Amino acid sequence: MALSRPRTKLIAYAATFAAPYVIFRVVPISMLIGSSGFIPLSDALALTYALLLGPVAGSISVILGTVIAYFFGHPPIFLGLDFLTPVTAVLAMSLMARRKHLWMIIVAFAALLIAFNLSPMTLPFIYIPVLRVAFPLTWLHFIALAVLIAYTFATKARPTPSSGLRQLTLTTASIAFVGLLLQQLVGSYVLYEGILGAYEGSISSGDWAAIWRLAFVVYPFEWIFLTIVSVLIAVPVYGLVSKRFSTFGT
């Protein structure tokens, strides 16, 4: 049976956008603490793919790009499930941009945040000697959850190139920030603690405290940087490319 035209177009777009994803995927921006891998620049493309391709085509493109990148300098680290985190970001951002299932995203984000902090491998509070206070490890995730809740009750308008540069920038920055912090949470809890810790045992129980102490210092800079780069890429590309083809999942 021949593929329908929309499905053929979806596959074509997904395959086309997988190519730049592979290139960005092999460019490191930061090393993964406690692992031989690195955070790739391709994480900054999730917002663009979410806006242009939607949840289905965007996810397919990310999976294809991740798998292909295994052969070009970014081999799998998490049993081949490395695509799980960027797909999470694309799905969350796509739904937020289309203002769909926002309460599901809130519940999922809150549930993961609670589960991660209750995990025996997590160090939920980091003591800061200078301030003489214990600070939550996931303080930035709580801010992201608050941004998500505020976004849910904000204007019902979707981000479009006609929204105006200021409004589009603010909206897409909120979407990127939430999606990337949700991605980081899935990576920390499911991939890091679940696969490297509980399943493979490649990180010993005595090492987790040191890992989270270092991550506490580093991760806010990494993910705020990725949020900024995501917006810098997505806003101009969305304005130019969205006029040339119809997006999926609208």
C-alpha atoms as a PDB file:
ATOM      1  CA  MET A   1       0.000   0.000   0.000  1.00  0.00           C
ATOM      2  CA  ALA A   2       1.422   3.390  -0.994  1.00  0.00           C
ATOM      3  CA  LEU A   3       2.109   5.910   1.731  1.00  0.00           C
ATOM      4  CA  SER A   4      -0.304   8.812   1.931  1.00  0.00           C
ATOM      5  CA  ARG A   5       1.040  12.183   0.882  1.00  0.00           C
ATOM      6  CA  PRO A   6       1.039  13.692   4.409  1.00  0.00           C
ATOM      7  CA  ARG A   7       2.869  10.649   5.783  1.00  0.00           C
ATOM      8  CA  THR A   8       5.393  10.749   2.933  1.00  0.00           C
ATOM      9  CA  LYS A   9       5.991  14.448   3.569  1.00  0.00           C
ATOM     10  CA  LEU A  10       6.374  13.815   7.293  1.00  0.00           C
ATOM     11  CA  ILE A  11       9.014  11.144   6.722  1.00  0.00           C
ATOM     12  CA  ALA A  12      10.807  13.344   4.179  1.00  0.00           C
ATOM     13  CA  TYR A  13      10.955  16.307   6.551  1.00  0.00           C
ATOM     14  CA  ALA A  14      12.068  14.113   9.452  1.00  0.00           C
ATOM     15  CA  ALA A  15      14.877  12.609   7.374  1.00  0.00           C
ATOM     16  CA  THR A  16      15.946  16.020   6.041  1.00  0.00           C
ATOM     17  CA  PHE A  17      16.177  17.588   9.488  1.00  0.00           C
ATOM     18  CA  ALA A  18      18.060  14.566  10.825  1.00  0.00           C
ATOM     19  CA  ALA A  19      21.121  15.664   8.820  1.00  0.00           C
ATOM     20  CA  PRO A  20      21.853  18.928  10.681  1.00  0.00           C
ATOM     21  CA  TYR A  21      21.022  17.151  13.927  1.00  0.00           C
ATOM     22  CA  VAL A  22      23.845  14.665  13.279  1.00  0.00           C
ATOM     23  CA  ILE A  23      26.303  17.520  12.727  1.00  0.00           C
ATOM     24  CA  PHE A  24      25.275  19.307  15.914  1.00  0.00           C
ATOM     25  CA  ARG A  25      25.192  15.994  17.796  1.00  0.00           C
ATOM     26  CA  VAL A  26      28.951  15.440  17.488  1.00  0.00           C
ATOM     27  CA  VAL A  27      29.806  18.935  18.755  1.00  0.00           C
ATOM     28  CA  PRO A  28      30.361  18.868  22.548  1.00  0.00           C
ATOM     29  CA  ILE A  29      29.527  21.776  24.846  1.00  0.00           C
ATOM     30  CA  SER A  30      30.229  20.092  28.193  1.00  0.00           C
ATOM     31  CA  MET A  31      31.418  16.751  29.530  1.00  0.00           C
ATOM     32  CA  LEU A  32      29.002  14.455  31.358  1.00  0.00           C
ATOM     33  CA  ILE A  33      30.077  14.196  34.980  1.00  0.00           C
ATOM     34  CA  GLY A  34      30.878  10.620  35.958  1.00  0.00           C
ATOM     35  CA  SER A  35      30.704   9.399  32.355  1.00  0.00           C
ATOM     36  CA  SER A  36      32.830   9.359  29.216  1.00  0.00           C
ATOM     37  CA  GLY A  37      30.147  11.135  27.187  1.00  0.00           C
ATOM     38  CA  PHE A  38      29.323  14.783  26.629  1.00  0.00           C
ATOM     39  CA  ILE A  39      26.354  17.104  26.277  1.00  0.00           C
ATOM     40  CA  PRO A  40      26.009  17.824  22.550  1.00  0.00           C
ATOM     41  CA  LEU A  41      25.121  21.094  20.861  1.00  0.00           C
ATOM     42  CA  SER A  42      22.220  19.279  19.178  1.00  0.00           C
ATOM     43  CA  ASP A  43      20.210  19.754  22.393  1.00  0.00           C
ATOM     44  CA  ALA A  44      19.820  23.360  21.263  1.00  0.00           C
ATOM     45  CA  LEU A  45      17.882  22.203  18.163  1.00  0.00           C
ATOM     46  CA  ALA A  46      14.950  20.721  20.086  1.00  0.00           C
ATOM     47  CA  LEU A  47      13.058  24.027  20.133  1.00  0.00           C
ATOM     48  CA  THR A  48      13.459  24.544  16.383  1.00  0.00           C
ATOM     49  CA  TYR A  49      12.285  21.016  15.633  1.00  0.00           C
ATOM     50  CA  ALA A  50       9.379  21.369  18.037  1.00  0.00           C
ATOM     51  CA  LEU A  51       8.186  24.555  16.341  1.00  0.00           C
ATOM     52  CA  LEU A  52       8.688  23.426  12.756  1.00  0.00           C
ATOM     53  CA  LEU A  53       8.071  19.683  12.787  1.00  0.00           C
ATOM     54  CA  GLY A  54       5.812  19.026  15.743  1.00  0.00           C
ATOM     55  CA  PRO A  55       5.891  16.086  18.149  1.00  0.00           C
ATOM     56  CA  VAL A  56       5.849  13.183  15.662  1.00  0.00           C
ATOM     57  CA  ALA A  57       8.158  14.347  12.874  1.00  0.00           C
ATOM     58  CA  GLY A  58      10.385  16.139  15.385  1.00  0.00           C
ATOM     59  CA  SER A  59      10.803  12.992  17.479  1.00  0.00           C
ATOM     60  CA  ILE A  60      11.503  10.835  14.415  1.00  0.00           C
ATOM     61  CA  SER A  61      14.122  13.315  13.219  1.00  0.00           C
ATOM     62  CA  VAL A  62      15.849  13.363  16.616  1.00  0.00           C
ATOM     63  CA  ILE A  63      15.872   9.557  16.871  1.00  0.00           C
ATOM     64  CA  LEU A  64      17.299   9.220  13.356  1.00  0.00           C
ATOM     65  CA  GLY A  65      19.922  11.882  14.015  1.00  0.00           C
ATOM     66  CA  THR A  66      20.929  10.342  17.335  1.00  0.00           C
ATOM     67  CA  VAL A  67      21.305   6.844  15.891  1.00  0.00           C
ATOM     68  CA  ILE A  68      23.256   8.051  12.850  1.00  0.00           C
ATOM     69  CA  ALA A  69      25.539  10.098  15.127  1.00  0.00           C
ATOM     70  CA  TYR A  70      26.529   6.833  16.859  1.00  0.00           C
ATOM     71  CA  PHE A  71      28.777   6.231  13.830  1.00  0.00           C
ATOM     72  CA  PHE A  72      30.189   9.783  13.640  1.00  0.00           C
ATOM     73  CA  GLY A  73      31.805  10.507  16.994  1.00  0.00           C
ATOM     74  CA  HIS A  74      28.978  10.225  19.508  1.00  0.00           C
ATOM     75  CA  PRO A  75      28.608   6.511  20.361  1.00  0.00           C
ATOM     76  CA  PRO A  76      25.763   5.382  22.637  1.00  0.00           C
ATOM     77  CA  ILE A  77      26.313   5.601  26.372  1.00  0.00           C
ATOM     78  CA  PHE A  78      22.965   4.572  27.819  1.00  0.00           C
ATOM     79  CA  LEU A  79      22.354   1.188  26.152  1.00  0.00           C
ATOM     80  CA  GLY A  80      21.303   2.929  22.954  1.00  0.00           C
ATOM     81  CA  LEU A  81      18.593   4.935  24.730  1.00  0.00           C
ATOM     82  CA  ASP A  82      20.481   8.215  24.354  1.00  0.00           C
ATOM     83  CA  PHE A  83      17.658   9.572  22.186  1.00  0.00           C
ATOM     84  CA  LEU A  84      15.246   9.443  25.119  1.00  0.00           C
ATOM     85  CA  THR A  85      16.274  12.800  26.576  1.00  0.00           C
ATOM     86  CA  PRO A  86      16.144  14.923  23.383  1.00  0.00           C
ATOM     87  CA  VAL A  87      12.875  13.256  22.383  1.00  0.00           C
ATOM     88  CA  THR A  88      11.480  14.239  25.781  1.00  0.00           C
ATOM     89  CA  ALA A  89      12.463  17.838  25.083  1.00  0.00           C
ATOM     90  CA  VAL A  90      10.959  17.852  21.586  1.00  0.00           C
ATOM     91  CA  LEU A  91       7.691  16.318  22.779  1.00  0.00           C
ATOM     92  CA  ALA A  92       7.336  18.716  25.715  1.00  0.00           C
ATOM     93  CA  MET A  93       8.242  21.766  23.654  1.00  0.00           C
ATOM     94  CA  SER A  94       5.952  20.739  20.782  1.00  0.00           C
ATOM     95  CA  LEU A  95       2.978  20.334  23.107  1.00  0.00           C
ATOM     96  CA  MET A  96       3.750  23.579  24.914  1.00  0.00           C
ATOM     97  CA  ALA A  97       4.044  25.484  21.632  1.00  0.00           C
ATOM     98  CA  ARG A  98       0.669  24.093  20.560  1.00  0.00           C
ATOM     99  CA  ARG A  99      -0.774  24.533  24.067  1.00  0.00           C
ATOM    100  CA  LYS A 100      -1.840  20.900  24.256  1.00  0.00           C
ATOM    101  CA  HIS A 101      -1.811  18.556  27.292  1.00  0.00           C
ATOM    102  CA  LEU A 102      -0.134  21.181  29.467  1.00  0.00           C
ATOM    103  CA  TRP A 103      -1.469  19.624  32.657  1.00  0.00           C
ATOM    104  CA  MET A 104       0.015  16.280  31.651  1.00  0.00           C
ATOM    105  CA  ILE A 105       3.406  17.943  31.283  1.00  0.00           C
ATOM    106  CA  ILE A 106       3.018  19.570  34.708  1.00  0.00           C
ATOM    107  CA  VAL A 107       2.129  16.253  36.344  1.00  0.00           C
ATOM    108  CA  ALA A 108       4.972  14.419  34.574  1.00  0.00           C
ATOM    109  CA  PHE A 109       7.497  17.124  35.491  1.00  0.00           C
ATOM    110  CA  ALA A 110       6.389  17.197  39.152  1.00  0.00           C
ATOM    111  CA  ALA A 111       6.344  13.391  39.426  1.00  0.00           C
ATOM    112  CA  LEU A 112       9.857  13.066  37.986  1.00  0.00           C
ATOM    113  CA  LEU A 113      11.131  15.849  40.208  1.00  0.00           C
ATOM    114  CA  ILE A 114       9.760  14.155  43.321  1.00  0.00           C
ATOM    115  CA  ALA A 115      11.007  10.713  42.270  1.00  0.00           C
ATOM    116  CA  PHE A 116      14.501  12.026  41.519  1.00  0.00           C
ATOM    117  CA  ASN A 117      14.794  13.813  44.858  1.00  0.00           C
ATOM    118  CA  LEU A 118      13.600  10.724  46.722  1.00  0.00           C
ATOM    119  CA  SER A 119      16.025   8.425  44.914  1.00  0.00           C
ATOM    120  CA  PRO A 120      18.692   6.909  47.221  1.00  0.00           C
ATOM    121  CA  MET A 121      21.339   7.840  44.649  1.00  0.00           C
ATOM    122  CA  THR A 122      20.402  11.527  44.681  1.00  0.00           C
ATOM    123  CA  LEU A 123      21.880  14.099  47.025  1.00  0.00           C
ATOM    124  CA  PRO A 124      18.788  16.337  47.294  1.00  0.00           C
ATOM    125  CA  PHE A 125      20.472  19.126  49.262  1.00  0.00           C
ATOM    126  CA  ILE A 126      23.938  20.574  48.740  1.00  0.00           C
ATOM    127  CA  TYR A 127      25.587  22.241  51.707  1.00  0.00           C
ATOM    128  CA  ILE A 128      27.208  25.580  50.852  1.00  0.00           C
ATOM    129  CA  PRO A 129      29.862  26.382  53.500  1.00  0.00           C
ATOM    130  CA  VAL A 130      30.076  30.093  52.628  1.00  0.00           C
ATOM    131  CA  LEU A 131      26.356  30.579  53.199  1.00  0.00           C
ATOM    132  CA  ARG A 132      26.122  27.895  55.893  1.00  0.00           C
ATOM    133  CA  VAL A 133      22.955  26.581  54.319  1.00  0.00           C
ATOM    134  CA  ALA A 134      21.855  23.444  52.461  1.00  0.00           C
ATOM    135  CA  PHE A 135      20.469  24.351  49.039  1.00  0.00           C
ATOM    136  CA  PRO A 136      18.224  22.118  46.877  1.00  0.00           C
ATOM    137  CA  LEU A 137      20.129  20.347  44.120  1.00  0.00           C
ATOM    138  CA  THR A 138      17.182  20.791  41.748  1.00  0.00           C
ATOM    139  CA  TRP A 139      16.503  24.473  42.490  1.00  0.00           C
ATOM    140  CA  LEU A 140      16.542  25.343  38.776  1.00  0.00           C
ATOM    141  CA  HIS A 141      14.025  22.596  38.033  1.00  0.00           C
ATOM    142  CA  PHE A 142      11.630  24.089  40.597  1.00  0.00           C
ATOM    143  CA  ILE A 143      11.936  27.401  38.757  1.00  0.00           C
ATOM    144  CA  ALA A 144      11.242  25.609  35.457  1.00  0.00           C
ATOM    145  CA  LEU A 145       8.152  23.978  36.966  1.00  0.00           C
ATOM    146  CA  ALA A 146       6.953  27.401  38.128  1.00  0.00           C
ATOM    147  CA  VAL A 147       7.534  28.779  34.616  1.00  0.00           C
ATOM    148  CA  LEU A 148       5.519  25.876  33.180  1.00  0.00           C
ATOM    149  CA  ILE A 149       2.621  26.546  35.542  1.00  0.00           C
ATOM    150  CA  ALA A 150       2.706  30.268  34.731  1.00  0.00           C
ATOM    151  CA  TYR A 151       2.814  29.475  31.012  1.00  0.00           C
ATOM    152  CA  THR A 152      -0.239  27.224  31.393  1.00  0.00           C
ATOM    153  CA  PHE A 153      -2.303  30.081  32.830  1.00  0.00           C
ATOM    154  CA  ALA A 154      -0.883  32.734  30.489  1.00  0.00           C
ATOM    155  CA  THR A 155      -2.304  33.864  27.160  1.00  0.00           C
ATOM    156  CA  LYS A 156      -3.795  31.126  25.024  1.00  0.00           C
ATOM    157  CA  ALA A 157      -2.038  32.367  21.902  1.00  0.00           C
ATOM    158  CA  ARG A 158       0.494  30.063  20.274  1.00  0.00           C
ATOM    159  CA  PRO A 159       3.949  31.371  19.325  1.00  0.00           C
ATOM    160  CA  THR A 160       3.981  32.323  15.645  1.00  0.00           C
ATOM    161  CA  PRO A 161       6.287  34.478  13.505  1.00  0.00           C
ATOM    162  CA  SER A 162       3.531  37.126  13.534  1.00  0.00           C
ATOM    163  CA  SER A 163       3.600  37.316  17.341  1.00  0.00           C
ATOM    164  CA  GLY A 164       6.261  40.012  17.263  1.00  0.00           C
ATOM    165  CA  LEU A 165       9.948  39.542  18.036  1.00  0.00           C
ATOM    166  CA  ARG A 166       9.734  40.377  21.740  1.00  0.00           C
ATOM    167  CA  GLN A 167       6.721  38.183  22.433  1.00  0.00           C
ATOM    168  CA  LEU A 168       8.047  35.328  20.321  1.00  0.00           C
ATOM    169  CA  THR A 169      11.411  35.473  22.080  1.00  0.00           C
ATOM    170  CA  LEU A 170       9.864  35.447  25.562  1.00  0.00           C
ATOM    171  CA  THR A 171       7.460  32.632  24.720  1.00  0.00           C
ATOM    172  CA  THR A 172      10.026  30.414  23.034  1.00  0.00           C
ATOM    173  CA  ALA A 173      12.518  31.052  25.846  1.00  0.00           C
ATOM    174  CA  SER A 174       9.935  29.796  28.352  1.00  0.00           C
ATOM    175  CA  ILE A 175       9.217  26.738  26.219  1.00  0.00           C
ATOM    176  CA  ALA A 176      12.907  25.945  25.722  1.00  0.00           C
ATOM    177  CA  PHE A 177      13.749  26.441  29.396  1.00  0.00           C
ATOM    178  CA  VAL A 178      11.023  24.062  30.585  1.00  0.00           C
ATOM    179  CA  GLY A 179      11.704  21.444  27.910  1.00  0.00           C
ATOM    180  CA  LEU A 180      15.450  21.408  28.474  1.00  0.00           C
ATOM    181  CA  LEU A 181      15.149  21.160  32.267  1.00  0.00           C
ATOM    182  CA  LEU A 182      12.656  18.320  31.839  1.00  0.00           C
ATOM    183  CA  GLN A 183      15.166  16.665  29.508  1.00  0.00           C
ATOM    184  CA  GLN A 184      17.910  17.101  32.100  1.00  0.00           C
ATOM    185  CA  LEU A 185      15.689  15.598  34.774  1.00  0.00           C
ATOM    186  CA  VAL A 186      14.928  12.531  32.638  1.00  0.00           C
ATOM    187  CA  GLY A 187      18.619  12.175  31.871  1.00  0.00           C
ATOM    188  CA  SER A 188      19.651  12.404  35.516  1.00  0.00           C
ATOM    189  CA  TYR A 189      16.992  10.075  36.888  1.00  0.00           C
ATOM    190  CA  VAL A 190      16.287   7.555  34.116  1.00  0.00           C
ATOM    191  CA  LEU A 191      19.577   7.362  32.215  1.00  0.00           C
ATOM    192  CA  TYR A 192      22.190   8.290  34.819  1.00  0.00           C
ATOM    193  CA  GLU A 193      20.775   6.767  37.972  1.00  0.00           C
ATOM    194  CA  GLY A 194      18.628   4.130  36.282  1.00  0.00           C
ATOM    195  CA  ILE A 195      21.060   2.775  33.685  1.00  0.00           C
ATOM    196  CA  LEU A 196      24.581   3.759  34.781  1.00  0.00           C
ATOM    197  CA  GLY A 197      23.763   3.373  38.461  1.00  0.00           C
ATOM    198  CA  ALA A 198      21.061   0.783  39.170  1.00  0.00           C
ATOM    199  CA  TYR A 199      21.375  -1.385  36.032  1.00  0.00           C
ATOM    200  CA  GLU A 200      25.047  -1.307  35.007  1.00  0.00           C
ATOM    201  CA  GLY A 201      26.570  -0.359  38.347  1.00  0.00           C
ATOM    202  CA  SER A 202      29.275   1.604  36.548  1.00  0.00           C
ATOM    203  CA  ILE A 203      28.922   4.392  39.120  1.00  0.00           C
ATOM    204  CA  SER A 204      29.448   3.172  42.679  1.00  0.00           C
ATOM    205  CA  SER A 205      27.172   4.263  45.507  1.00  0.00           C
ATOM    206  CA  GLY A 206      30.003   6.184  47.119  1.00  0.00           C
ATOM    207  CA  ASP A 207      30.543   8.372  44.059  1.00  0.00           C
ATOM    208  CA  TRP A 208      27.054   9.839  43.746  1.00  0.00           C
ATOM    209  CA  ALA A 209      27.491  12.534  46.384  1.00  0.00           C
ATOM    210  CA  ALA A 210      30.584  13.929  44.654  1.00  0.00           C
ATOM    211  CA  ILE A 211      28.871  13.776  41.256  1.00  0.00           C
ATOM    212  CA  TRP A 212      25.835  15.745  42.415  1.00  0.00           C
ATOM    213  CA  ARG A 213      27.962  18.299  44.269  1.00  0.00           C
ATOM    214  CA  LEU A 214      29.872  19.042  41.071  1.00  0.00           C
ATOM    215  CA  ALA A 215      26.700  18.933  38.975  1.00  0.00           C
ATOM    216  CA  PHE A 216      25.114  21.481  41.315  1.00  0.00           C
ATOM    217  CA  VAL A 217      27.779  23.992  40.303  1.00  0.00           C
ATOM    218  CA  VAL A 218      27.862  23.185  36.597  1.00  0.00           C
ATOM    219  CA  TYR A 219      24.382  22.245  35.387  1.00  0.00           C
ATOM    220  CA  PRO A 220      22.677  25.677  35.700  1.00  0.00           C
ATOM    221  CA  PHE A 221      25.257  27.225  33.371  1.00  0.00           C
ATOM    222  CA  GLU A 222      24.938  24.360  30.877  1.00  0.00           C
ATOM    223  CA  TRP A 223      21.169  24.442  30.568  1.00  0.00           C
ATOM    224  CA  ILE A 224      20.747  28.205  30.689  1.00  0.00           C
ATOM    225  CA  PHE A 225      23.347  28.416  27.928  1.00  0.00           C
ATOM    226  CA  LEU A 226      21.420  25.831  25.895  1.00  0.00           C
ATOM    227  CA  THR A 227      18.200  27.781  26.447  1.00  0.00           C
ATOM    228  CA  ILE A 228      19.791  30.955  25.085  1.00  0.00           C
ATOM    229  CA  VAL A 229      21.302  29.181  22.072  1.00  0.00           C
ATOM    230  CA  SER A 230      17.985  27.408  21.412  1.00  0.00           C
ATOM    231  CA  VAL A 231      16.161  30.729  21.146  1.00  0.00           C
ATOM    232  CA  LEU A 232      18.911  32.332  19.048  1.00  0.00           C
ATOM    233  CA  ILE A 233      18.570  29.484  16.536  1.00  0.00           C
ATOM    234  CA  ALA A 234      14.822  28.910  16.650  1.00  0.00           C
ATOM    235  CA  VAL A 235      13.421  32.437  16.387  1.00  0.00           C
ATOM    236  CA  PRO A 236      15.062  33.447  13.065  1.00  0.00           C
ATOM    237  CA  VAL A 237      14.761  29.953  11.555  1.00  0.00           C
ATOM    238  CA  TYR A 238      11.099  29.707  12.536  1.00  0.00           C
ATOM    239  CA  GLY A 239      10.390  33.071  10.949  1.00  0.00           C
ATOM    240  CA  LEU A 240      12.096  32.134   7.678  1.00  0.00           C
ATOM    241  CA  VAL A 241      11.325  28.458   7.225  1.00  0.00           C
ATOM    242  CA  SER A 242       7.762  28.325   8.543  1.00  0.00           C
ATOM    243  CA  LYS A 243       6.649  30.431   5.588  1.00  0.00           C
ATOM    244  CA  ARG A 244       7.931  27.810   3.157  1.00  0.00           C
ATOM    245  CA  PHE A 245       6.226  24.665   4.415  1.00  0.00           C
ATOM    246  CA  SER A 246       3.362  23.609   6.640  1.00  0.00           C
ATOM    247  CA  THR A 247       4.220  22.319  10.113  1.00  0.00           C
ATOM    248  CA  PHE A 248       2.965  19.029  11.542  1.00  0.00           C
ATOM    249  CA  GLY A 249       0.913  18.513  14.626  1.00  0.00           C
ATOM    250  CA  THR A 250      -0.670  21.970  14.513  1.00  0.00           C
END
